[in-house]
Amino acid sequence: MSYLLFFAILAVSTLPFTAQASSPDERVIVHFKHKKDKDLILKKNGKIHREFANVEAMSVSLTAEAIQSLTNDPNVQFIEKDLIVHVQSQTADWGIAQTKAPKGLVIELHGKRR
């Protein structure tokens, strides 16, 4: 009987125990209307993966409840899924000359709002 109890306890103790949150985090990109707000993300217990330099946006992980509450925040413009994109191949050679980038630089096309 004691051997049976020992093996039962041993079998149960080797089972993997994982802590599961009530709802798993989802990786999204939060676009802000005016300026990035780290504190807003951290208050929602979010994890910041990346802050983008040229746009007011951050790649973060948040729960579904936090995402829903951020959609109603006045500083949040929109939220989109942060998808992984893979490039399969380049079918045509699009060099700088073919994209006419130097011409855009001459006429000051820089993407800034006026």
Protein backbone atom coordinates (compact mmCIF):
# COMPACT_ATOMS: atom_id res chain seq x y z
CA MET A 1 0.00 0.00 0.00
CA SER A 2 2.78 2.47 0.88
CA TYR A 3 4.54 1.70 -2.45
CA LEU A 4 1.32 2.46 -4.32
CA LEU A 5 0.95 5.76 -2.48
CA PHE A 6 4.61 6.63 -3.15
CA PHE A 7 4.27 6.00 -6.91
CA ALA A 8 1.00 7.90 -7.06
CA ILE A 9 2.62 10.94 -5.42
CA LEU A 10 5.65 10.60 -7.68
CA ALA A 11 3.46 10.44 -10.79
CA VAL A 12 1.46 13.50 -9.78
CA SER A 13 4.57 15.50 -8.84
CA THR A 14 6.10 14.98 -12.29
CA LEU A 15 3.09 16.39 -14.13
CA PRO A 16 3.84 19.77 -15.71
CA PHE A 17 2.21 22.63 -13.90
CA THR A 18 1.74 25.82 -15.85
CA ALA A 19 0.21 29.04 -14.65
CA GLN A 20 -2.42 30.17 -17.11
CA ALA A 21 -3.77 33.68 -17.19
CA SER A 22 -7.50 34.22 -17.49
CA SER A 23 -6.95 35.47 -21.01
CA PRO A 24 -3.68 35.19 -22.93
CA ASP A 25 -1.89 38.26 -24.19
CA GLU A 26 -2.22 39.26 -27.81
CA ARG A 27 0.51 41.11 -29.70
CA VAL A 28 -0.81 44.30 -31.29
CA ILE A 29 0.36 47.66 -32.60
CA VAL A 30 -1.20 50.62 -30.81
CA HIS A 31 -1.29 53.81 -32.91
CA PHE A 32 -1.60 57.02 -30.93
CA LYS A 33 -3.19 60.25 -32.13
CA HIS A 34 -0.62 62.68 -30.76
CA LYS A 35 2.27 61.08 -28.89
CA LYS A 36 3.21 57.62 -27.61
CA ASP A 37 2.02 56.95 -24.06
CA LYS A 38 4.15 54.27 -22.35
CA ASP A 39 2.38 54.80 -19.03
CA LEU A 40 -0.99 53.98 -20.59
CA ILE A 41 0.31 50.61 -21.82
CA LEU A 42 2.05 49.82 -18.52
CA LYS A 43 -1.10 50.68 -16.53
CA LYS A 44 -2.88 47.97 -18.52
CA ASN A 45 -0.11 45.50 -17.55
CA GLY A 46 1.11 45.49 -21.13
CA LYS A 47 4.55 44.51 -22.33
CA ILE A 48 6.20 46.93 -24.76
CA HIS A 49 8.15 45.14 -27.48
CA ARG A 50 9.10 48.05 -29.73
CA GLU A 51 8.59 51.78 -30.05
CA PHE A 52 8.56 52.93 -33.65
CA ALA A 53 10.72 55.96 -34.45
CA ASN A 54 8.81 57.57 -37.32
CA VAL A 55 5.22 56.96 -36.26
CA GLU A 56 3.40 57.43 -32.98
CA ALA A 57 2.96 53.69 -32.41
CA MET A 58 4.22 50.83 -30.26
CA SER A 59 4.23 47.06 -30.60
CA VAL A 60 2.85 45.66 -27.35
CA SER A 61 1.31 42.56 -25.78
CA LEU A 62 -2.00 43.10 -24.00
CA THR A 63 -4.97 41.08 -22.79
CA ALA A 64 -8.20 41.22 -24.78
CA GLU A 65 -9.80 43.27 -22.00
CA ALA A 66 -6.97 45.82 -22.07
CA ILE A 67 -7.20 46.09 -25.86
CA GLN A 68 -10.93 46.73 -25.62
CA SER A 69 -10.46 49.44 -23.01
CA LEU A 70 -7.71 51.12 -25.06
CA THR A 71 -10.01 51.42 -28.08
CA ASN A 72 -12.06 53.89 -26.03
CA ASP A 73 -9.04 55.95 -24.96
CA PRO A 74 -9.03 59.44 -26.55
CA ASN A 75 -5.25 59.29 -27.26
CA VAL A 76 -5.48 55.97 -29.16
CA GLN A 77 -6.14 56.33 -32.87
CA PHE A 78 -6.50 52.61 -33.64
CA ILE A 79 -5.16 49.16 -32.73
CA GLU A 80 -4.14 46.48 -35.20
CA LYS A 81 -2.71 42.97 -34.92
CA ASP A 82 1.08 42.79 -35.03
CA LEU A 83 1.50 40.20 -37.75
CA ILE A 84 4.72 38.50 -38.73
CA VAL A 85 5.50 39.12 -42.39
CA HIS A 86 7.93 37.00 -44.40
CA VAL A 87 9.40 38.03 -47.74
CA GLN A 88 9.41 35.11 -50.16
CA SER A 89 11.32 36.65 -53.02
CA GLN A 90 11.93 39.85 -54.93
CA THR A 91 10.59 39.54 -58.46
CA ALA A 92 11.88 42.81 -59.90
CA ASP A 93 14.91 44.90 -59.14
CA TRP A 94 13.53 48.10 -57.62
CA GLY A 95 16.60 50.23 -57.14
CA ILE A 96 16.59 53.80 -55.90
CA ALA A 97 16.55 55.17 -59.44
CA GLN A 98 13.48 53.13 -60.40
CA THR A 99 11.52 54.30 -57.35
CA LYS A 100 12.37 57.92 -58.20
CA ALA A 101 13.42 58.53 -54.58
CA PRO A 102 16.03 61.19 -55.50
CA LYS A 103 13.28 63.19 -57.24
CA GLY A 104 11.16 62.95 -54.09
CA LEU A 105 14.02 64.27 -52.00
CA VAL A 106 14.47 67.27 -54.31
CA ILE A 107 10.83 68.32 -53.97
CA GLU A 108 10.98 67.68 -50.18
CA LEU A 109 8.60 64.74 -49.88
CA HIS A 110 9.39 63.61 -46.35
CA GLY A 111 6.07 62.37 -44.92
CA LYS A 112 5.65 65.09 -42.32
CA ARG A 113 2.30 66.74 -41.85
CA ARG A 114 2.01 70.42 -42.56
